[in-house]
């Protein structure tokens, strides 16, 4: 089963995603929280440009 997973990652489909980690301020405590998102690499700049 592991060979199948490795074979699918080498096709290039697995490499087209990026993990975006951003810091967000908590409304309750005021502390910073890290949020993680997986998104296509072509959408990363757009997602980082807009604020949440």
N, C-alpha and C. Protein backbone atom coordinates (compact mmCIF):
# COMPACT_ATOMS: atom_id res chain seq x y z
N UNK A 1 0.82 -1.19 0.00
CA UNK A 1 0.00 0.00 0.00
C UNK A 1 0.87 1.26 0.00
N UNK A 2 1.98 1.24 0.69
CA UNK A 2 2.84 2.42 0.73
C UNK A 2 3.40 2.74 -0.64
N UNK A 3 3.66 1.72 -1.44
CA UNK A 3 4.21 1.97 -2.77
C UNK A 3 3.21 2.74 -3.63
N UNK A 4 1.93 2.47 -3.44
CA UNK A 4 0.90 3.15 -4.22
C UNK A 4 0.86 4.64 -3.86
N UNK A 5 0.99 4.97 -2.58
CA UNK A 5 0.96 6.36 -2.15
C UNK A 5 2.16 7.10 -2.70
N UNK A 6 3.33 6.50 -2.63
CA UNK A 6 4.54 7.13 -3.14
C UNK A 6 4.42 7.34 -4.65
N UNK A 7 3.86 6.36 -5.34
CA UNK A 7 3.72 6.48 -6.79
C UNK A 7 2.77 7.61 -7.16
N UNK A 8 1.71 7.84 -6.40
CA UNK A 8 0.78 8.92 -6.74
C UNK A 8 1.38 10.29 -6.43
N UNK A 9 2.27 10.38 -5.44
CA UNK A 9 2.89 11.67 -5.14
C UNK A 9 3.91 12.06 -6.21
N UNK A 10 4.48 11.11 -6.87
CA UNK A 10 5.48 11.41 -7.88
C UNK A 10 4.86 11.85 -9.21
N UNK A 11 3.56 11.72 -9.37
CA UNK A 11 2.92 12.13 -10.62
C UNK A 11 2.83 13.64 -10.73
N UNK A 12 3.00 14.36 -9.64
CA UNK A 12 2.94 15.81 -9.67
C UNK A 12 1.65 16.36 -9.11
N UNK A 13 0.65 15.53 -8.91
CA UNK A 13 -0.61 16.02 -8.37
C UNK A 13 -0.48 16.37 -6.90
N UNK A 14 0.33 15.63 -6.16
CA UNK A 14 0.51 15.90 -4.74
C UNK A 14 1.34 17.13 -4.48
N UNK A 15 2.16 17.52 -5.42
CA UNK A 15 3.04 18.67 -5.23
C UNK A 15 2.37 19.98 -5.57
N UNK A 16 1.14 19.98 -6.02
CA UNK A 16 0.49 21.22 -6.43
C UNK A 16 -0.25 21.90 -5.27
N UNK A 17 -0.07 21.43 -4.06
CA UNK A 17 -0.70 22.02 -2.89
C UNK A 17 0.35 22.58 -1.94
N UNK A 18 0.00 23.62 -1.23
CA UNK A 18 0.90 24.24 -0.26
C UNK A 18 0.17 24.38 1.07
N UNK A 19 0.93 24.29 2.14
CA UNK A 19 0.37 24.46 3.48
C UNK A 19 0.66 25.89 3.90
N UNK A 20 -0.40 26.64 4.18
CA UNK A 20 -0.28 28.04 4.58
C UNK A 20 -0.57 28.13 6.07
N UNK A 21 0.40 28.67 6.81
CA UNK A 21 0.24 28.85 8.25
C UNK A 21 0.24 30.35 8.52
N UNK A 22 -0.82 30.82 9.14
CA UNK A 22 -0.88 32.25 9.45
C UNK A 22 -1.24 32.44 10.91
N UNK A 23 -0.84 33.59 11.45
CA UNK A 23 -1.14 33.91 12.84
C UNK A 23 -2.38 34.79 12.88
N UNK A 24 -3.27 34.47 13.80
CA UNK A 24 -4.52 35.21 13.96
C UNK A 24 -4.65 35.55 15.44
N UNK A 25 -5.09 36.73 15.72
CA UNK A 25 -5.28 37.14 17.11
C UNK A 25 -6.62 36.64 17.63
N UNK A 26 -6.63 35.99 18.78
CA UNK A 26 -7.85 35.47 19.38
C UNK A 26 -8.69 36.61 19.93
N UNK A 27 -9.99 36.57 19.67
CA UNK A 27 -10.89 37.61 20.18
C UNK A 27 -11.12 37.46 21.68
N UNK A 28 -11.08 36.22 22.16
CA UNK A 28 -11.32 35.96 23.59
C UNK A 28 -10.17 36.41 24.47
N UNK A 29 -8.98 35.88 24.18
CA UNK A 29 -7.85 36.08 25.08
C UNK A 29 -6.86 37.13 24.60
N UNK A 30 -6.87 37.43 23.32
CA UNK A 30 -5.90 38.37 22.78
C UNK A 30 -4.58 37.72 22.41
N UNK A 31 -4.46 36.43 22.64
CA UNK A 31 -3.24 35.70 22.30
C UNK A 31 -3.25 35.36 20.81
N UNK A 32 -2.09 35.05 20.28
CA UNK A 32 -1.99 34.67 18.88
C UNK A 32 -2.22 33.18 18.71
N UNK A 33 -2.94 32.81 17.64
CA UNK A 33 -3.26 31.42 17.31
C UNK A 33 -2.74 31.17 15.91
N UNK A 34 -2.22 29.98 15.68
CA UNK A 34 -1.76 29.61 14.35
C UNK A 34 -2.84 28.80 13.65
N UNK A 35 -3.23 29.22 12.45
CA UNK A 35 -4.20 28.47 11.66
C UNK A 35 -3.49 27.90 10.43
N UNK A 36 -3.82 26.67 10.09
CA UNK A 36 -3.20 25.99 8.97
C UNK A 36 -4.24 25.69 7.91
N UNK A 37 -3.87 25.90 6.65
CA UNK A 37 -4.76 25.61 5.52
C UNK A 37 -3.96 24.94 4.42
N UNK A 38 -4.57 24.00 3.73
CA UNK A 38 -3.99 23.42 2.53
C UNK A 38 -4.72 24.00 1.34
N UNK A 39 -3.97 24.53 0.38
CA UNK A 39 -4.60 25.14 -0.78
C UNK A 39 -3.70 24.95 -2.00
N UNK A 40 -4.27 25.07 -3.19
CA UNK A 40 -3.45 24.97 -4.40
C UNK A 40 -2.40 26.09 -4.44
N UNK A 41 -1.25 25.79 -5.00
CA UNK A 41 -0.15 26.76 -4.99
C UNK A 41 -0.46 28.03 -5.77
N UNK A 42 -1.32 27.95 -6.76
CA UNK A 42 -1.63 29.16 -7.52
C UNK A 42 -2.57 30.10 -6.77
N UNK A 43 -3.19 29.66 -5.70
CA UNK A 43 -4.10 30.50 -4.91
C UNK A 43 -3.45 31.07 -3.64
N UNK A 44 -2.19 30.73 -3.38
CA UNK A 44 -1.54 31.11 -2.13
C UNK A 44 -1.39 32.62 -2.03
N UNK A 45 -0.90 33.29 -3.07
CA UNK A 45 -0.70 34.73 -3.01
C UNK A 45 -2.01 35.48 -2.83
N UNK A 46 -3.07 34.99 -3.46
CA UNK A 46 -4.38 35.63 -3.31
C UNK A 46 -4.88 35.49 -1.86
N UNK A 47 -4.68 34.31 -1.27
CA UNK A 47 -5.17 34.07 0.08
C UNK A 47 -4.40 34.87 1.10
N UNK A 48 -3.09 35.07 0.89
CA UNK A 48 -2.30 35.84 1.82
C UNK A 48 -2.53 37.34 1.67
N UNK A 49 -2.98 37.77 0.52
CA UNK A 49 -3.21 39.19 0.29
C UNK A 49 -4.44 39.70 1.03
N UNK A 50 -5.47 38.88 1.14
CA UNK A 50 -6.68 39.33 1.83
C UNK A 50 -6.63 38.94 3.30
N UNK A 51 -7.18 39.83 4.13
CA UNK A 51 -7.20 39.58 5.57
C UNK A 51 -8.46 38.87 5.97
N UNK A 52 -8.35 38.05 6.99
CA UNK A 52 -9.52 37.34 7.51
C UNK A 52 -9.98 37.97 8.79
